PDB file of N, CA and C in Angstrom:
ATOM      1  N   MET A   1      34.048 104.153  88.496  1.00  0.00           N
ATOM      2  CA  MET A   1      33.578 103.975  89.858  1.00  0.00           C
ATOM      3  C   MET A   1      34.227 105.056  90.725  1.00  0.00           C
ATOM      4  N   PRO A   2      33.430 105.783  91.486  1.00  0.00           N
ATOM      5  CA  PRO A   2      34.018 106.793  92.377  1.00  0.00           C
ATOM      6  C   PRO A   2      34.927 106.139  93.413  1.00  0.00           C
ATOM      7  N   THR A   3      35.916 106.881  93.855  1.00  0.00           N
ATOM      8  CA  THR A   3      36.882 106.381  94.822  1.00  0.00           C
ATOM      9  C   THR A   3      36.939 107.314  96.021  1.00  0.00           C
ATOM     10  N   PHE A   4      37.002 106.717  97.196  1.00  0.00           N
ATOM     11  CA  PHE A   4      37.157 107.461  98.441  1.00  0.00           C
ATOM     12  C   PHE A   4      38.296 106.839  99.228  1.00  0.00           C
ATOM     13  N   THR A   5      39.069 107.671  99.895  1.00  0.00           N
ATOM     14  CA  THR A   5      40.072 107.119 100.809  1.00  0.00           C
ATOM     15  C   THR A   5      39.343 106.539 102.007  1.00  0.00           C
ATOM     16  N   ALA A   6      40.001 105.665 102.732  1.00  0.00           N
ATOM     17  CA  ALA A   6      39.397 105.081 103.928  1.00  0.00           C
ATOM     18  C   ALA A   6      39.045 106.171 104.933  1.00  0.00           C
ATOM     19  N   THR A   7      39.905 107.156 105.063  1.00  0.00           N
ATOM     20  CA  THR A   7      39.644 108.263 105.991  1.00  0.00           C
ATOM     21  C   THR A   7      38.407 109.045 105.572  1.00  0.00           C
ATOM     22  N   ALA A   8      38.293 109.365 104.281  1.00  0.00           N
ATOM     23  CA  ALA A   8      37.123 110.091 103.791  1.00  0.00           C
ATOM     24  C   ALA A   8      35.861 109.254 103.972  1.00  0.00           C
ATOM     25  N   ALA A   9      35.958 107.961 103.717  1.00  0.00           N
ATOM     26  CA  ALA A   9      34.791 107.084 103.873  1.00  0.00           C
ATOM     27  C   ALA A   9      34.327 107.078 105.327  1.00  0.00           C
ATOM     28  N   LYS A  10      35.265 107.079 106.241  1.00  0.00           N
ATOM     29  CA  LYS A  10      34.933 107.088 107.664  1.00  0.00           C
ATOM     30  C   LYS A  10      34.341 108.432 108.073  1.00  0.00           C
ATOM     31  N   ASN A  11      34.951 109.509 107.648  1.00  0.00           N
ATOM     32  CA  ASN A  11      34.543 110.841 108.089  1.00  0.00           C
ATOM     33  C   ASN A  11      33.350 111.411 107.323  1.00  0.00           C
ATOM     34  N   GLU A  12      33.116 110.922 106.107  1.00  0.00           N
ATOM     35  CA  GLU A  12      32.054 111.462 105.261  1.00  0.00           C
ATOM     36  C   GLU A  12      31.151 110.340 104.744  1.00  0.00           C
ATOM     37  N   PHE A  13      30.720 109.471 105.638  1.00  0.00           N
ATOM     38  CA  PHE A  13      29.988 108.281 105.220  1.00  0.00           C
ATOM     39  C   PHE A  13      28.692 108.627 104.478  1.00  0.00           C
ATOM     40  N   GLY A  14      28.032 109.693 104.871  1.00  0.00           N
ATOM     41  CA  GLY A  14      26.811 110.101 104.173  1.00  0.00           C
ATOM     42  C   GLY A  14      27.066 110.404 102.715  1.00  0.00           C
ATOM     43  N   ARG A  15      28.164 111.094 102.433  1.00  0.00           N
ATOM     44  CA  ARG A  15      28.533 111.409 101.049  1.00  0.00           C
ATOM     45  C   ARG A  15      28.879 110.134 100.275  1.00  0.00           C
ATOM     46  N   VAL A  16      29.521 109.192 100.956  1.00  0.00           N
ATOM     47  CA  VAL A  16      29.854 107.906 100.328  1.00  0.00           C
ATOM     48  C   VAL A  16      28.567 107.166  99.963  1.00  0.00           C
ATOM     49  N   LEU A  17      27.602 107.137 100.880  1.00  0.00           N
ATOM     50  CA  LEU A  17      26.334 106.458 100.602  1.00  0.00           C
ATOM     51  C   LEU A  17      25.595 107.101  99.433  1.00  0.00           C
ATOM     52  N   GLU A  18      25.639 108.418  99.344  1.00  0.00           N
ATOM     53  CA  GLU A  18      25.011 109.097  98.207  1.00  0.00           C
ATOM     54  C   GLU A  18      25.669 108.675  96.896  1.00  0.00           C
ATOM     55  N   ALA A  19      26.991 108.577  96.895  1.00  0.00           N
ATOM     56  CA  ALA A  19      27.710 108.149  95.685  1.00  0.00           C
ATOM     57  C   ALA A  19      27.354 106.715  95.329  1.00  0.00           C
ATOM     58  N   VAL A  20      27.233 105.847  96.333  1.00  0.00           N
ATOM     59  CA  VAL A  20      26.846 104.453  96.084  1.00  0.00           C
ATOM     60  C   VAL A  20      25.453 104.405  95.471  1.00  0.00           C
ATOM     61  N   ALA A  21      24.536 105.197  96.017  1.00  0.00           N
ATOM     62  CA  ALA A  21      23.165 105.212  95.502  1.00  0.00           C
ATOM     63  C   ALA A  21      23.129 105.683  94.046  1.00  0.00           C
ATOM     64  N   LYS A  22      23.963 106.655  93.692  1.00  0.00           N
ATOM     65  CA  LYS A  22      23.976 107.191  92.328  1.00  0.00           C
ATOM     66  C   LYS A  22      24.715 106.290  91.353  1.00  0.00           C
ATOM     67  N   LYS A  23      25.872 105.758  91.759  1.00  0.00           N
ATOM     68  CA  LYS A  23      26.749 105.020  90.841  1.00  0.00           C
ATOM     69  C   LYS A  23      26.670 103.503  90.978  1.00  0.00           C
ATOM     70  N   GLY A  24      26.096 103.008  92.079  1.00  0.00           N
ATOM     71  CA  GLY A  24      25.993 101.559  92.268  1.00  0.00           C
ATOM     72  C   GLY A  24      27.116 100.975  93.089  1.00  0.00           C
ATOM     73  N   ALA A  25      28.270 101.647  93.113  1.00  0.00           N
ATOM     74  CA  ALA A  25      29.409 101.142  93.889  1.00  0.00           C
ATOM     75  C   ALA A  25      30.446 102.248  94.027  1.00  0.00           C
ATOM     76  N   VAL A  26      31.234 102.157  95.071  1.00  0.00           N
ATOM     77  CA  VAL A  26      32.398 103.032  95.242  1.00  0.00           C
ATOM     78  C   VAL A  26      33.564 102.185  95.725  1.00  0.00           C
ATOM     79  N   ALA A  27      34.754 102.604  95.362  1.00  0.00           N
ATOM     80  CA  ALA A  27      35.970 101.935  95.815  1.00  0.00           C
ATOM     81  C   ALA A  27      36.503 102.681  97.034  1.00  0.00           C
ATOM     82  N   ILE A  28      36.994 101.915  98.006  1.00  0.00           N
ATOM     83  CA  ILE A  28      37.614 102.489  99.196  1.00  0.00           C
ATOM     84  C   ILE A  28      39.098 102.163  99.124  1.00  0.00           C
ATOM     85  N   THR A  29      39.933 103.203  99.219  1.00  0.00           N
ATOM     86  CA  THR A  29      41.374 103.000  99.086  1.00  0.00           C
ATOM     87  C   THR A  29      42.094 103.300 100.395  1.00  0.00           C
ATOM     88  N   ARG A  30      43.250 102.706 100.503  1.00  0.00           N
ATOM     89  CA  ARG A  30      44.174 103.008 101.596  1.00  0.00           C
ATOM     90  C   ARG A  30      45.561 102.975 100.980  1.00  0.00           C
ATOM     91  N   HIS A  31      46.306 104.047 101.164  1.00  0.00           N
ATOM     92  CA  HIS A  31      47.648 104.169 100.601  1.00  0.00           C
ATOM     93  C   HIS A  31      47.628 103.930  99.088  1.00  0.00           C
ATOM     94  N   ASP A  32      46.658 104.533  98.417  1.00  0.00           N
ATOM     95  CA  ASP A  32      46.517 104.495  96.958  1.00  0.00           C
ATOM     96  C   ASP A  32      46.217 103.118  96.377  1.00  0.00           C
ATOM     97  N   ALA A  33      45.830 102.171  97.205  1.00  0.00           N
ATOM     98  CA  ALA A  33      45.464 100.845  96.704  1.00  0.00           C
ATOM     99  C   ALA A  33      44.018 100.553  97.115  1.00  0.00           C
ATOM    100  N   THR A  34      43.226 100.069  96.167  1.00  0.00           N
ATOM    101  CA  THR A  34      41.840  99.736  96.486  1.00  0.00           C
ATOM    102  C   THR A  34      41.813  98.559  97.444  1.00  0.00           C
ATOM    103  N   LYS A  35      41.126  98.741  98.555  1.00  0.00           N
ATOM    104  CA  LYS A  35      41.042  97.710  99.591  1.00  0.00           C
ATOM    105  C   LYS A  35      39.648  97.117  99.715  1.00  0.00           C
ATOM    106  N   ALA A  36      38.615  97.873  99.257  1.00  0.00           N
ATOM    107  CA  ALA A  36      37.240  97.391  99.373  1.00  0.00           C
ATOM    108  C   ALA A  36      36.370  98.098  98.350  1.00  0.00           C
ATOM    109  N   VAL A  37      35.203  97.505  98.124  1.00  0.00           N
ATOM    110  CA  VAL A  37      34.195  98.119  97.271  1.00  0.00           C
ATOM    111  C   VAL A  37      32.878  98.077  98.038  1.00  0.00           C
ATOM    112  N   LEU A  38      32.208  99.207  98.088  1.00  0.00           N
ATOM    113  CA  LEU A  38      30.903  99.306  98.738  1.00  0.00           C
ATOM    114  C   LEU A  38      29.848  99.321  97.642  1.00  0.00           C
ATOM    115  N   LEU A  39      28.924  98.342  97.696  1.00  0.00           N
ATOM    116  CA  LEU A  39      27.910  98.182  96.659  1.00  0.00           C
ATOM    117  C   LEU A  39      26.547  98.643  97.134  1.00  0.00           C
ATOM    118  N   SER A  40      25.742  99.107  96.176  1.00  0.00           N
ATOM    119  CA  SER A  40      24.345  99.381  96.476  1.00  0.00           C
ATOM    120  C   SER A  40      23.638  98.044  96.656  1.00  0.00           C
ATOM    121  N   ILE A  41      22.483  98.063  97.289  1.00  0.00           N
ATOM    122  CA  ILE A  41      21.732  96.824  97.489  1.00  0.00           C
ATOM    123  C   ILE A  41      21.326  96.220  96.144  1.00  0.00           C
ATOM    124  N   ASP A  42      21.018  97.064  95.158  1.00  0.00           N
ATOM    125  CA  ASP A  42      20.649  96.544  93.832  1.00  0.00           C
ATOM    126  C   ASP A  42      21.815  95.796  93.188  1.00  0.00           C
ATOM    127  N   GLU A  43      23.009  96.382  93.254  1.00  0.00           N
ATOM    128  CA  GLU A  43      24.192  95.718  92.686  1.00  0.00           C
ATOM    129  C   GLU A  43      24.476  94.409  93.422  1.00  0.00           C
ATOM    130  N   TYR A  44      24.345  94.430  94.739  1.00  0.00           N
ATOM    131  CA  TYR A  44      24.580  93.232  95.550  1.00  0.00           C
ATOM    132  C   TYR A  44      23.612  92.115  95.170  1.00  0.00           C
ATOM    133  N   GLU A  45      22.325  92.445  95.054  1.00  0.00           N
ATOM    134  CA  GLU A  45      21.326  91.428  94.700  1.00  0.00           C
ATOM    135  C   GLU A  45      21.561  90.889  93.298  1.00  0.00           C
ATOM    136  N   THR A  46      22.011  91.746  92.383  1.00  0.00           N
ATOM    137  CA  THR A  46      22.339  91.293  91.030  1.00  0.00           C
ATOM    138  C   THR A  46      23.494  90.293  91.071  1.00  0.00           C
ATOM    139  N   LEU A  47      24.507  90.599  91.875  1.00  0.00           N
ATOM    140  CA  LEU A  47      25.632  89.670  92.007  1.00  0.00           C
ATOM    141  C   LEU A  47      25.199  88.340  92.596  1.00  0.00           C
ATOM    142  N   LEU A  48      24.350  88.388  93.601  1.00  0.00           N
ATOM    143  CA  LEU A  48      23.867  87.150  94.197  1.00  0.00           C
ATOM    144  C   LEU A  48      23.103  86.308  93.186  1.00  0.00           C
ATOM    145  N   ALA A  49      22.280  86.972  92.391  1.00  0.00           N
ATOM    146  CA  ALA A  49      21.482  86.247  91.393  1.00  0.00           C
ATOM    147  C   ALA A  49      22.374  85.596  90.338  1.00  0.00           C
ATOM    148  N   ARG A  50      23.459  86.268  89.979  1.00  0.00           N
ATOM    149  CA  ARG A  50      24.374  85.738  88.963  1.00  0.00           C
ATOM    150  C   ARG A  50      25.383  84.771  89.540  1.00  0.00           C
ATOM    151  N   GLY A  51      25.512  84.740  90.849  1.00  0.00           N
ATOM    152  CA  GLY A  51      26.569  83.969  91.507  1.00  0.00           C
ATOM    153  C   GLY A  51      26.650  82.517  91.094  1.00  0.00           C
ATOM    154  N   GLY A  52      25.526  81.830  91.055  1.00  0.00           N
ATOM    155  CA  GLY A  52      25.540  80.417  90.701  1.00  0.00           C
ATOM    156  C   GLY A  52      26.026  80.198  89.283  1.00  0.00           C
ATOM    157  N   ARG A  53      25.544  81.030  88.362  1.00  0.00           N
ATOM    158  CA  ARG A  53      25.974  80.900  86.962  1.00  0.00           C
ATOM    159  C   ARG A  53      27.453  81.226  86.815  1.00  0.00           C
ATOM    160  N   ALA A  54      27.908  82.250  87.531  1.00  0.00           N
ATOM    161  CA  ALA A  54      29.317  82.637  87.435  1.00  0.00           C
ATOM    162  C   ALA A  54      30.210  81.521  87.962  1.00  0.00           C
ATOM    163  N   LEU A  55      29.813  80.909  89.070  1.00  0.00           N
ATOM    164  CA  LEU A  55      30.606  79.816  89.628  1.00  0.00           C
ATOM    165  C   LEU A  55      30.640  78.634  88.670  1.00  0.00           C
ATOM    166  N   ASP A  56      29.522  78.338  88.035  1.00  0.00           N
ATOM    167  CA  ASP A  56      29.494  77.246  87.058  1.00  0.00           C
ATOM    168  C   ASP A  56      30.436  77.541  85.894  1.00  0.00           C
ATOM    169  N   ALA A  57      30.445  78.786  85.429  1.00  0.00           N
ATOM    170  CA  ALA A  57      31.316  79.171  84.318  1.00  0.00           C
ATOM    171  C   ALA A  57      32.778  79.065  84.725  1.00  0.00           C
ATOM    172  N   LEU A  58      33.111  79.520  85.931  1.00  0.00           N
ATOM    173  CA  LEU A  58      34.493  79.417  86.404  1.00  0.00           C
ATOM    174  C   LEU A  58      34.917  77.967  86.570  1.00  0.00           C
ATOM    175  N   THR A  59      34.020  77.129  87.059  1.00  0.00           N
ATOM    176  CA  THR A  59      34.326  75.705  87.211  1.00  0.00           C
ATOM    177  C   THR A  59      34.622  75.078  85.860  1.00  0.00           C
ATOM    178  N   ALA A  60      33.811  75.392  84.861  1.00  0.00           N
ATOM    179  CA  ALA A  60      34.032  74.848  83.522  1.00  0.00           C
ATOM    180  C   ALA A  60      35.355  75.345  82.948  1.00  0.00           C
ATOM    181  N   GLU A  61      35.661  76.625  83.167  1.00  0.00           N
ATOM    182  CA  GLU A  61      36.929  77.176  82.678  1.00  0.00           C
ATOM    183  C   GLU A  61      38.114  76.497  83.355  1.00  0.00           C
ATOM    184  N   PHE A  62      38.016  76.301  84.667  1.00  0.00           N
ATOM    185  CA  PHE A  62      39.088  75.625  85.402  1.00  0.00           C
ATOM    186  C   PHE A  62      39.277  74.205  84.885  1.00  0.00           C
ATOM    187  N   ASP A  63      38.172  73.486  84.706  1.00  0.00           N
ATOM    188  CA  ASP A  63      38.265  72.106  84.226  1.00  0.00           C
ATOM    189  C   ASP A  63      38.917  72.044  82.838  1.00  0.00           C
ATOM    190  N   ALA A  64      38.586  72.997  81.978  1.00  0.00           N
ATOM    191  CA  ALA A  64      39.185  73.029  80.640  1.00  0.00           C
ATOM    192  C   ALA A  64      40.682  73.318  80.727  1.00  0.00           C
ATOM    193  N   LEU A  65      41.064  74.246  81.595  1.00  0.00           N
ATOM    194  CA  LEU A  65      42.492  74.537  81.772  1.00  0.00           C
ATOM    195  C   LEU A  65      43.233  73.329  82.320  1.00  0.00           C
ATOM    196  N   LEU A  66      42.626  72.665  83.284  1.00  0.00           N
ATOM    197  CA  LEU A  66      43.248  71.474  83.870  1.00  0.00           C
ATOM    198  C   LEU A  66      43.413  70.381  82.821  1.00  0.00           C
ATOM    199  N   ASP A  67      42.393  70.178  81.997  1.00  0.00           N
ATOM    200  CA  ASP A  67      42.494  69.191  80.920  1.00  0.00           C
ATOM    201  C   ASP A  67      43.639  69.537  79.972  1.00  0.00           C
ATOM    202  N   GLY A  68      43.787  70.832  79.674  1.00  0.00           N
ATOM    203  CA  GLY A  68      44.854  71.267  78.781  1.00  0.00           C
ATOM    204  C   GLY A  68      46.245  71.031  79.349  1.00  0.00           C
ATOM    205  N   MET A  69      46.342  70.973  80.670  1.00  0.00           N
ATOM    206  CA  MET A  69      47.642  70.747  81.317  1.00  0.00           C
ATOM    207  C   MET A  69      48.003  69.271  81.409  1.00  0.00           C
ATOM    208  N   GLN A  70      47.118  68.417  80.957  1.00  0.00           N
ATOM    209  CA  GLN A  70      47.366  66.979  81.057  1.00  0.00           C
ATOM    210  C   GLN A  70      47.977  66.386  79.789  1.00  0.00           C
ATOM    211  N   THR A  71      48.373  67.216  78.847  1.00  0.00           N
ATOM    212  CA  THR A  71      48.936  66.730  77.590  1.00  0.00           C
ATOM    213  C   THR A  71      50.422  66.425  77.757  1.00  0.00           C
ATOM    214  N   ALA A  72      50.949  65.648  76.831  1.00  0.00           N
ATOM    215  CA  ALA A  72      52.377  65.321  76.849  1.00  0.00           C
ATOM    216  C   ALA A  72      53.215  66.593  76.696  1.00  0.00           C
ATOM    217  N   ARG A  73      52.756  67.498  75.846  1.00  0.00           N
ATOM    218  CA  ARG A  73      53.483  68.766  75.637  1.00  0.00           C
ATOM    219  C   ARG A  73      53.548  69.580  76.937  1.00  0.00           C
ATOM    220  N   ALA A  74      52.428  69.641  77.638  1.00  0.00           N
ATOM    221  CA  ALA A  74      52.391  70.398  78.893  1.00  0.00           C
ATOM    222  C   ALA A  74      53.292  69.744  79.942  1.00  0.00           C
ATOM    223  N   ARG A  75      53.269  68.419  80.021  1.00  0.00           N
ATOM    224  CA  ARG A  75      54.151  67.716  80.977  1.00  0.00           C
ATOM    225  C   ARG A  75      55.620  67.985  80.671  1.00  0.00           C
ATOM    226  N   LYS A  76      55.970  67.975  79.372  1.00  0.00           N
ATOM    227  CA  LYS A  76      57.350  68.247  78.972  1.00  0.00           C
ATOM    228  C   LYS A  76      57.756  69.669  79.362  1.00  0.00           C
ATOM    229  N   ALA A  77      56.856  70.629  79.121  1.00  0.00           N
ATOM    230  CA  ALA A  77      57.141  72.027  79.467  1.00  0.00           C
ATOM    231  C   ALA A  77      57.329  72.180  80.970  1.00  0.00           C
ATOM    232  N   MET A  78      56.496  71.547  81.764  1.00  0.00           N
ATOM    233  CA  MET A  78      56.629  71.645  83.228  1.00  0.00           C
ATOM    234  C   MET A  78      57.920  70.992  83.698  1.00  0.00           C
ATOM    235  N   LYS A  79      58.323  69.893  83.078  1.00  0.00           N
ATOM    236  CA  LYS A  79      59.595  69.258  83.444  1.00  0.00           C
ATOM    237  C   LYS A  79      60.741  70.212  83.163  1.00  0.00           C
ATOM    238  N   GLN A  80      60.684  70.914  82.013  1.00  0.00           N
ATOM    239  CA  GLN A  80      61.726  71.889  81.692  1.00  0.00           C
ATOM    240  C   GLN A  80      61.760  73.020  82.719  1.00  0.00           C
ATOM    241  N   VAL A  81      60.601  73.454  83.161  1.00  0.00           N
ATOM    242  CA  VAL A  81      60.539  74.520  84.167  1.00  0.00           C
ATOM    243  C   VAL A  81      61.190  74.064  85.464  1.00  0.00           C
ATOM    244  N   PHE A  82      60.815  72.882  85.934  1.00  0.00           N
ATOM    245  CA  PHE A  82      61.346  72.401  87.210  1.00  0.00           C
ATOM    246  C   PHE A  82      62.820  72.029  87.129  1.00  0.00           C
ATOM    247  N   ASP A  83      63.296  71.679  85.945  1.00  0.00           N
ATOM    248  CA  ASP A  83      64.709  71.326  85.778  1.00  0.00           C
ATOM    249  C   ASP A  83      65.585  72.525  85.430  1.00  0.00           C
ATOM    250  N   ALA A  84      64.985  73.698  85.241  1.00  0.00           N
ATOM    251  CA  ALA A  84      65.734  74.879  84.807  1.00  0.00           C
ATOM    252  C   ALA A  84      66.712  75.341  85.886  1.00  0.00           C
ATOM    253  N   THR A  85      67.864  75.799  85.435  1.00  0.00           N
ATOM    254  CA  THR A  85      68.866  76.352  86.352  1.00  0.00           C
ATOM    255  C   THR A  85      68.466  77.781  86.716  1.00  0.00           C
ATOM    256  N   PRO A  86      68.990  78.299  87.824  1.00  0.00           N
ATOM    257  CA  PRO A  86      68.683  79.699  88.180  1.00  0.00           C
ATOM    258  C   PRO A  86      69.071  80.677  87.066  1.00  0.00           C
ATOM    259  N   GLY A  87      70.179  80.424  86.396  1.00  0.00           N
ATOM    260  CA  GLY A  87      70.597  81.302  85.305  1.00  0.00           C
ATOM    261  C   GLY A  87      69.598  81.313  84.165  1.00  0.00           C
ATOM    262  N   ARG A  88      69.086  80.143  83.829  1.00  0.00           N
ATOM    263  CA  ARG A  88      68.116  80.039  82.742  1.00  0.00           C
ATOM    264  C   ARG A  88      66.806  80.737  83.129  1.00  0.00           C
ATOM    265  N   ILE A  89      66.393  80.587  84.385  1.00  0.00           N
ATOM    266  CA  ILE A  89      65.181  81.258  84.864  1.00  0.00           C
ATOM    267  C   ILE A  89      65.370  82.776  84.797  1.00  0.00           C
ATOM    268  N   GLY A  90      66.552  83.247  85.190  1.00  0.00           N
ATOM    269  CA  GLY A  90      66.845  84.679  85.132  1.00  0.00           C
ATOM    270  C   GLY A  90      66.780  85.209  83.718  1.00  0.00           C
ATOM    271  N   LYS A  91      67.371  84.475  82.763  1.00  0.00           N
ATOM    272  CA  LYS A  91      67.332  84.899  81.360  1.00  0.00           C
ATOM    273  C   LYS A  91      65.893  84.941  80.847  1.00  0.00           C
ATOM    274  N   ALA A  92      65.098  83.950  81.226  1.00  0.00           N
ATOM    275  CA  ALA A  92      63.700  83.926  80.802  1.00  0.00           C
ATOM    276  C   ALA A  92      62.937  85.112  81.395  1.00  0.00           C
ATOM    277  N   ALA A  93      63.220  85.455  82.649  1.00  0.00           N
ATOM    278  CA  ALA A  93      62.546  86.589  83.290  1.00  0.00           C
ATOM    279  C   ALA A  93      62.914  87.897  82.598  1.00  0.00           C
ATOM    280  N   VAL A  94      64.197  88.060  82.254  1.00  0.00           N
ATOM    281  CA  VAL A  94      64.637  89.271  81.568  1.00  0.00           C
ATOM    282  C   VAL A  94      63.971  89.358  80.198  1.00  0.00           C
ATOM    283  N   ALA A  95      63.908  88.254  79.480  1.00  0.00           N
ATOM    284  CA  ALA A  95      63.271  88.246  78.158  1.00  0.00           C
ATOM    285  C   ALA A  95      61.783  88.566  78.269  1.00  0.00           C
ATOM    286  N   ALA A  96      61.110  88.020  79.278  1.00  0.00           N
ATOM    287  CA  ALA A  96      59.683  88.290  79.466  1.00  0.00           C
ATOM    288  C   ALA A  96      59.447  89.755  79.812  1.00  0.00           C
ATOM    289  N   ALA A  97      60.318  90.330  80.643  1.00  0.00           N
ATOM    290  CA  ALA A  97      60.175  91.745  81.007  1.00  0.00           C
ATOM    291  C   ALA A  97      60.386  92.636  79.782  1.00  0.00           C
ATOM    292  N   ALA A  98      61.360  92.288  78.954  1.00  0.00           N
ATOM    293  CA  ALA A  98      61.612  93.071  77.742  1.00  0.00           C
ATOM    294  C   ALA A  98      60.417  92.982  76.795  1.00  0.00           C
ATOM    295  N   ALA A  99      59.849  91.803  76.659  1.00  0.00           N
ATOM    296  CA  ALA A  99      58.680  91.630  75.792  1.00  0.00           C
ATOM    297  C   ALA A  99      57.496  92.429  76.330  1.00  0.00           C
ATOM    298  N   ALA A 100      57.335  92.442  77.648  1.00  0.00           N
ATOM    299  CA  ALA A 100      56.233  93.210  78.244  1.00  0.00           C
ATOM    300  C   ALA A 100      56.427  94.699  78.012  1.00  0.00           C
ATOM    301  N   ARG A 101      57.661  95.188  78.139  1.00  0.00           N
ATOM    302  CA  ARG A 101      57.936  96.608  77.882  1.00  0.00           C
ATOM    303  C   ARG A 101      57.647  96.953  76.420  1.00  0.00           C
ATOM    304  N   THR A 102      58.035  96.071  75.510  1.00  0.00           N
ATOM    305  CA  THR A 102      57.784  96.301  74.088  1.00  0.00           C
ATOM    306  C   THR A 102      56.277  96.335  73.812  1.00  0.00           C
ATOM    307  N   ALA A 103      55.545  95.393  74.384  1.00  0.00           N
ATOM    308  CA  ALA A 103      54.092  95.363  74.185  1.00  0.00           C
ATOM    309  C   ALA A 103      53.440  96.603  74.774  1.00  0.00           C
ATOM    310  N   GLU A 104      53.896  97.045  75.927  1.00  0.00           N
ATOM    311  CA  GLU A 104      53.349  98.252  76.550  1.00  0.00           C
ATOM    312  C   GLU A 104      53.633  99.472  75.693  1.00  0.00           C
ATOM    313  N   GLY A 105      54.838  99.543  75.129  1.00  0.00           N
ATOM    314  CA  GLY A 105      55.180 100.659  74.247  1.00  0.00           C
ATOM    315  C   GLY A 105      54.301 100.690  73.012  1.00  0.00           C
ATOM    316  N   LYS A 106      53.977  99.539  72.458  1.00  0.00           N
ATOM    317  CA  LYS A 106      53.114  99.480  71.278  1.00  0.00           C
ATOM    318  C   LYS A 106      51.691  99.897  71.623  1.00  0.00           C
ATOM    319  N   ARG A 107      51.225  99.544  72.833  1.00  0.00           N
ATOM    320  CA  ARG A 107      49.872  99.926  73.232  1.00  0.00           C
ATOM    321  C   ARG A 107      49.766 101.439  73.444  1.00  0.00           C
ATOM    322  N   ARG A 108      50.827 102.068  73.850  1.00  0.00           N
ATOM    323  CA  ARG A 108      50.787 103.508  74.124  1.00  0.00           C
ATOM    324  C   ARG A 108      50.810 104.342  72.843  1.00  0.00           C
ATOM    325  N   ARG A 109      51.212 103.753  71.753  1.00  0.00           N
ATOM    326  CA  ARG A 109      51.307 104.491  70.476  1.00  0.00           C
ATOM    327  C   ARG A 109      49.989 104.723  69.866  1.00  0.00           C
TER     328      ARG A 109
END
């Protein structure tokens, strides 16, 4: 997806519209972070048409996740989380960060 800074989008809106027409969407950034997406009318209408189905799918996914959290195992895990000391939480955070770094290193290879 093409990207334009907010300043470029403001100052060169015609060029932005041409990119939207060609690519279907453009990202608008501010301070190197995407803040908005400008869609073509075709992309917008496609999203609207899919909206009901997407919401139904998300609702079903949420309900399944919620059901999964109602088990005895999940309740026990949540009790451990809420009863954890700050030191234990810190150790878990350090271990999770180390695991994430290891996984990232493996993906880069």
